[in-house]
Each structure stands twice: as structure tokens, then as C-alpha cells.
Protein backbone atom coordinates (compact mmCIF):
# COMPACT_ATOMS: atom_id res chain seq x y z
CA MET A 1 0.00 0.00 0.00
CA THR A 2 1.39 3.39 -0.96
CA GLU A 3 1.31 6.45 1.28
CA ARG A 4 -1.39 8.00 -0.91
CA GLU A 5 -3.56 4.90 -0.60
CA TRP A 6 -3.12 4.87 3.18
CA LEU A 7 -4.05 8.54 3.41
CA ALA A 8 -7.08 7.98 1.16
CA ARG A 9 -8.32 5.30 3.59
CA LEU A 10 -8.48 7.89 6.36
CA GLU A 11 -11.61 9.22 4.67
CA TRP A 12 -13.34 6.02 5.75
CA PHE A 13 -13.07 7.36 9.31
CA GLY A 14 -14.39 10.82 8.45
CA ILE A 15 -11.00 12.48 8.13
CA LYS A 16 -10.99 14.94 5.25
CA LEU A 17 -7.49 15.86 4.13
CA GLY A 18 -6.65 19.08 2.35
CA LEU A 19 -7.43 22.76 2.70
CA ASP A 20 -10.87 22.81 1.05
CA THR A 21 -12.80 23.06 4.32
CA ILE A 22 -10.78 25.94 5.77
CA GLY A 23 -10.87 27.64 2.36
CA GLU A 24 -14.66 27.51 2.34
CA LEU A 25 -14.81 28.81 5.91
CA THR A 26 -12.51 31.77 5.29
CA ALA A 27 -14.39 32.60 2.08
CA ALA A 28 -17.69 32.57 3.97
CA LEU A 29 -16.20 34.94 6.56
CA GLY A 30 -14.90 37.33 3.91
CA HIS A 31 -11.26 36.22 4.20
CA PRO A 32 -10.40 37.86 7.54
CA GLU A 33 -6.90 36.36 7.33
CA ARG A 34 -6.06 38.82 4.57
CA ALA A 35 -6.61 41.83 6.85
CA TYR A 36 -3.13 41.58 8.41
CA PRO A 37 0.07 39.59 7.80
CA VAL A 38 0.47 36.66 10.16
CA VAL A 39 2.63 33.57 10.25
CA HIS A 40 0.99 30.91 12.42
CA VAL A 41 3.43 28.17 13.43
CA ALA A 42 1.86 25.00 14.76
CA GLY A 43 2.70 21.33 14.93
CA THR A 44 4.45 18.77 17.08
CA ASN A 45 8.15 19.42 16.58
CA GLY A 46 10.34 22.29 15.46
CA LYS A 47 8.17 25.29 16.33
CA GLY A 48 10.91 26.98 18.34
CA SER A 49 13.42 26.69 15.52
CA VAL A 50 10.93 27.95 12.94
CA VAL A 51 9.95 30.93 15.08
CA ALA A 52 13.62 31.76 15.71
CA MET A 53 14.30 31.76 11.95
CA ILE A 54 11.22 33.91 11.28
CA GLU A 55 12.33 36.39 13.94
CA ARG A 56 15.73 36.77 12.28
CA VAL A 57 14.30 37.23 8.81
CA GLU A 58 11.22 39.30 9.63
CA ASN A 59 12.42 41.53 12.46
CA ARG A 60 13.26 44.32 10.06
CA ALA A 61 9.70 44.64 8.77
CA TYR A 62 7.40 43.00 11.34
CA VAL A 63 6.90 42.58 15.03
CA VAL A 64 7.37 38.93 15.96
CA GLU A 65 5.37 37.69 18.93
CA THR A 66 5.16 34.23 20.41
CA GLU A 67 2.53 32.84 22.71
CA LEU A 68 3.03 29.69 24.70
CA ASP A 69 0.39 27.51 26.27
CA ALA A 70 0.24 28.00 30.04
CA GLU A 71 0.70 24.25 30.51
CA LEU A 72 4.00 24.43 28.64
CA LEU A 73 5.18 27.21 30.91
CA GLU A 74 4.30 25.16 33.99
CA ALA A 75 6.14 22.11 32.60
CA GLU A 76 9.17 24.31 31.92
CA LYS A 77 9.19 25.41 35.58
CA VAL A 78 9.07 21.77 36.68
CA PHE A 79 12.09 20.90 34.54
CA GLU A 80 13.97 23.97 35.81
CA GLY A 81 13.27 22.79 39.35
CA VAL A 82 14.54 19.28 38.61
CA HIS A 83 17.70 20.69 37.06
CA ALA A 84 18.22 23.07 40.01
CA CYS A 85 18.09 20.09 42.38
CA GLY A 86 21.01 18.52 40.54
CA THR A 87 19.04 15.69 38.98
CA GLY A 88 18.98 17.14 35.42
């Protein structure tokens, strides 16, 4: 089975791949995403690296802001505490 065939089978479970749905939604809302320039970085891995690269490239023309989930901030404090105790 190829990767395309495997992905096509996901539709059996109600998963609709592609950008058609979000395209229809933004069109229905009058394309609010076009009102201001934004780069939204999401995913499992590599967000920090991507944001760092964007900051270096874009800082001349744009303000770069990052927002972290409060749970991530709490987890970061836990790891800092473990490291401070000499176990990290």
C-alpha cells in the first residue's frame, strides 16, 4: 500500500485531508486572514526553531510575537526545578 492509498483510507473514518474546508470557511467569513500579515506556526516538533528563523528574517519589517500555552510554561518550571536540584 502506498502512502497516498493509506491517506485515502483515512476518509473512511471521516477524516478529510486538504485545505478545502478551511478555504470555504474563510471565504464565507470574507477572508479575515487577509486583513493583516500573520505567520501561524503549529505542529508537534520544530516550532521553536521555525519561530527563531522567522524572527531573524522578519524583524526588520514586522513585530514577531510568540505565545506559549500556560501548561508548557508550567512544565518548563518543573524541569527547571529538577535541574536546580542537581538531577537534570
